Amino acid sequence: MNGSKVFSEACPPPKIVSDPQKDPVTPYRAVPLSTRQIFGTVVSLALFSFVYLAYAQHHALLFYVMTGLVGIYIVFVYVSGIFAVLYMVIVDYDLSKTASIDAGEQQESSI
C-alpha cells in the first residue's frame, strides 16, 4: 500500500463553502447551560460575595459558616475530578465504535 494514498483516503480535504445560505454556521455554546441558568449562577455568586464581604466581616459565626461552604465546595470539585479520572481509567472503551466514525464526521465534530 502506498502511504500517501492511505492518507488521502483517510483525511479528505475540508469543504469550502462560498455561500453561507446553503451551509449556515452553527454557533456552539461554551457550556451546556441555558442563559437563564448562567444568569442565576452569576446572581447567586454575586449575592454570596456581597453577604460574605458586607456582613461576614462583622459576624464571626456567619464568617465561619460561609468560609466552610466555600471549603466544602472546593473539596467537592476536587473529589469529583479525581473520581472522573478514576472512572476514565477503569472503564474499558469499545474502540470499534470510535474507529467506525467517518473522518469527515470526526473533523466536523472537532471544530
C-alpha atoms as a PDB file:
ATOM      1  CA  MET A   1       0.000   0.000   0.000  1.00  0.00           C
ATOM      2  CA  ASN A   2       1.148   3.470  -0.770  1.00  0.00           C
ATOM      3  CA  GLY A   3       1.302   5.693   2.349  1.00  0.00           C
ATOM      4  CA  SER A   4       0.118   8.816   0.559  1.00  0.00           C
ATOM      5  CA  LYS A   5      -2.903   7.015  -0.880  1.00  0.00           C
ATOM      6  CA  VAL A   6      -3.992   5.772   2.544  1.00  0.00           C
ATOM      7  CA  PHE A   7      -3.574   9.252   3.996  1.00  0.00           C
ATOM      8  CA  SER A   8      -5.591  10.892   1.219  1.00  0.00           C
ATOM      9  CA  GLU A   9      -8.459   8.417   1.657  1.00  0.00           C
ATOM     10  CA  ALA A  10      -8.491   8.731   5.455  1.00  0.00           C
ATOM     11  CA  CYS A  11      -8.384  12.543   5.558  1.00  0.00           C
ATOM     12  CA  PRO A  12     -10.424  14.127   2.774  1.00  0.00           C
ATOM     13  CA  PRO A  13      -9.842  17.812   2.117  1.00  0.00           C
ATOM     14  CA  PRO A  14     -12.146  20.187   4.007  1.00  0.00           C
ATOM     15  CA  LYS A  15     -15.281  21.502   2.339  1.00  0.00           C
ATOM     16  CA  ILE A  16     -15.077  25.036   1.035  1.00  0.00           C
ATOM     17  CA  VAL A  17     -18.417  26.782   1.319  1.00  0.00           C
ATOM     18  CA  SER A  18     -18.779  30.013  -0.559  1.00  0.00           C
ATOM     19  CA  ASP A  19     -22.471  30.617   0.134  1.00  0.00           C
ATOM     20  CA  PRO A  20     -23.444  30.865   3.821  1.00  0.00           C
ATOM     21  CA  GLN A  21     -27.143  30.429   2.930  1.00  0.00           C
ATOM     22  CA  LYS A  22     -26.516  26.874   1.692  1.00  0.00           C
ATOM     23  CA  ASP A  23     -24.493  25.804   4.725  1.00  0.00           C
ATOM     24  CA  PRO A  24     -25.141  28.130   7.694  1.00  0.00           C
ATOM     25  CA  VAL A  25     -22.668  28.198  10.530  1.00  0.00           C
ATOM     26  CA  THR A  26     -23.977  26.741  13.772  1.00  0.00           C
ATOM     27  CA  PRO A  27     -22.706  28.574  16.861  1.00  0.00           C
ATOM     28  CA  TYR A  28     -21.515  26.434  19.741  1.00  0.00           C
ATOM     29  CA  ARG A  29     -22.119  27.273  23.396  1.00  0.00           C
ATOM     30  CA  ALA A  30     -19.172  27.270  25.775  1.00  0.00           C
ATOM     31  CA  VAL A  31     -21.158  25.357  28.399  1.00  0.00           C
ATOM     32  CA  PRO A  32     -24.274  23.155  28.153  1.00  0.00           C
ATOM     33  CA  LEU A  33     -26.342  25.561  30.243  1.00  0.00           C
ATOM     34  CA  SER A  34     -29.129  27.871  29.238  1.00  0.00           C
ATOM     35  CA  THR A  35     -28.765  31.620  29.534  1.00  0.00           C
ATOM     36  CA  ARG A  36     -31.220  31.611  32.448  1.00  0.00           C
ATOM     37  CA  GLN A  37     -29.125  29.058  34.364  1.00  0.00           C
ATOM     38  CA  ILE A  38     -25.937  31.034  33.774  1.00  0.00           C
ATOM     39  CA  PHE A  39     -27.640  34.243  34.893  1.00  0.00           C
ATOM     40  CA  GLY A  40     -28.956  32.546  38.044  1.00  0.00           C
ATOM     41  CA  THR A  41     -25.494  31.235  38.874  1.00  0.00           C
ATOM     42  CA  VAL A  42     -23.912  34.665  38.426  1.00  0.00           C
ATOM     43  CA  VAL A  43     -26.577  36.360  40.553  1.00  0.00           C
ATOM     44  CA  SER A  44     -26.204  33.716  43.287  1.00  0.00           C
ATOM     45  CA  LEU A  45     -22.437  34.148  43.361  1.00  0.00           C
ATOM     46  CA  ALA A  46     -22.803  37.927  43.442  1.00  0.00           C
ATOM     47  CA  LEU A  47     -25.222  37.756  46.399  1.00  0.00           C
ATOM     48  CA  PHE A  48     -22.984  35.283  48.226  1.00  0.00           C
ATOM     49  CA  SER A  49     -19.982  37.550  47.668  1.00  0.00           C
ATOM     50  CA  PHE A  50     -21.878  40.616  48.879  1.00  0.00           C
ATOM     51  CA  VAL A  51     -23.052  38.891  52.056  1.00  0.00           C
ATOM     52  CA  TYR A  52     -19.559  37.494  52.606  1.00  0.00           C
ATOM     53  CA  LEU A  53     -17.901  40.887  52.207  1.00  0.00           C
ATOM     54  CA  ALA A  54     -20.504  43.091  53.891  1.00  0.00           C
ATOM     55  CA  TYR A  55     -21.838  41.032  56.785  1.00  0.00           C
ATOM     56  CA  ALA A  56     -19.430  38.170  57.444  1.00  0.00           C
ATOM     57  CA  GLN A  57     -16.620  40.508  58.417  1.00  0.00           C
ATOM     58  CA  HIS A  58     -18.698  41.703  61.393  1.00  0.00           C
ATOM     59  CA  HIS A  59     -20.262  38.373  62.468  1.00  0.00           C
ATOM     60  CA  ALA A  60     -17.898  35.530  63.359  1.00  0.00           C
ATOM     61  CA  LEU A  61     -20.460  32.719  63.063  1.00  0.00           C
ATOM     62  CA  LEU A  62     -21.579  33.869  59.606  1.00  0.00           C
ATOM     63  CA  PHE A  63     -17.921  34.140  58.567  1.00  0.00           C
ATOM     64  CA  TYR A  64     -17.171  30.571  59.689  1.00  0.00           C
ATOM     65  CA  VAL A  65     -20.290  29.144  58.049  1.00  0.00           C
ATOM     66  CA  MET A  66     -19.703  30.873  54.712  1.00  0.00           C
ATOM     67  CA  THR A  67     -15.994  30.012  54.681  1.00  0.00           C
ATOM     68  CA  GLY A  68     -16.928  26.408  55.433  1.00  0.00           C
ATOM     69  CA  LEU A  69     -19.330  26.396  52.478  1.00  0.00           C
ATOM     70  CA  VAL A  70     -16.544  27.593  50.194  1.00  0.00           C
ATOM     71  CA  GLY A  71     -14.236  24.894  51.568  1.00  0.00           C
ATOM     72  CA  ILE A  72     -16.839  22.166  51.099  1.00  0.00           C
ATOM     73  CA  TYR A  73     -17.418  23.289  47.504  1.00  0.00           C
ATOM     74  CA  ILE A  74     -13.673  23.202  46.734  1.00  0.00           C
ATOM     75  CA  VAL A  75     -13.364  19.707  48.218  1.00  0.00           C
ATOM     76  CA  PHE A  76     -16.408  18.586  46.192  1.00  0.00           C
ATOM     77  CA  VAL A  77     -14.871  19.867  42.940  1.00  0.00           C
ATOM     78  CA  TYR A  78     -11.532  18.174  43.573  1.00  0.00           C
ATOM     79  CA  VAL A  79     -13.076  14.857  44.664  1.00  0.00           C
ATOM     80  CA  SER A  80     -15.435  14.773  41.661  1.00  0.00           C
ATOM     81  CA  GLY A  81     -12.442  15.440  39.384  1.00  0.00           C
ATOM     82  CA  ILE A  82     -10.485  12.596  40.954  1.00  0.00           C
ATOM     83  CA  PHE A  83     -13.466  10.256  40.575  1.00  0.00           C
ATOM     84  CA  ALA A  84     -13.905  11.321  36.943  1.00  0.00           C
ATOM     85  CA  VAL A  85     -10.271  10.470  36.191  1.00  0.00           C
ATOM     86  CA  LEU A  86     -10.555   7.136  38.015  1.00  0.00           C
ATOM     87  CA  TYR A  87     -13.720   6.334  36.060  1.00  0.00           C
ATOM     88  CA  MET A  88     -11.978   7.043  32.757  1.00  0.00           C
ATOM     89  CA  VAL A  89      -9.046   4.823  33.781  1.00  0.00           C
ATOM     90  CA  ILE A  90     -11.192   1.921  34.986  1.00  0.00           C
ATOM     91  CA  VAL A  91     -13.900   1.814  32.288  1.00  0.00           C
ATOM     92  CA  ASP A  92     -12.932  -0.105  29.165  1.00  0.00           C
ATOM     93  CA  TYR A  93     -13.942   1.706  25.981  1.00  0.00           C
ATOM     94  CA  ASP A  94     -15.138  -0.075  22.862  1.00  0.00           C
ATOM     95  CA  LEU A  95     -12.655   1.075  20.239  1.00  0.00           C
ATOM     96  CA  SER A  96     -14.662  -0.391  17.333  1.00  0.00           C
ATOM     97  CA  LYS A  97     -17.298   2.327  17.774  1.00  0.00           C
ATOM     98  CA  THR A  98     -14.747   5.130  17.643  1.00  0.00           C
ATOM     99  CA  ALA A  99     -12.867   3.583  14.726  1.00  0.00           C
ATOM    100  CA  SER A 100     -16.017   3.397  12.596  1.00  0.00           C
ATOM    101  CA  ILE A 101     -16.552   7.158  12.611  1.00  0.00           C
ATOM    102  CA  ASP A 102     -16.035   8.687   9.213  1.00  0.00           C
ATOM    103  CA  ALA A 103     -13.030  11.027   9.044  1.00  0.00           C
ATOM    104  CA  GLY A 104     -15.241  13.851   7.762  1.00  0.00           C
ATOM    105  CA  GLU A 105     -17.666  13.489  10.659  1.00  0.00           C
ATOM    106  CA  GLN A 106     -14.790  13.411  13.120  1.00  0.00           C
ATOM    107  CA  GLN A 107     -13.302  16.546  11.600  1.00  0.00           C
ATOM    108  CA  GLU A 108     -16.662  18.376  11.790  1.00  0.00           C
ATOM    109  CA  SER A 109     -17.218  17.323  15.397  1.00  0.00           C
ATOM    110  CA  SER A 110     -13.829  18.635  16.476  1.00  0.00           C
ATOM    111  CA  ILE A 111     -14.456  22.145  15.144  1.00  0.00           C
END
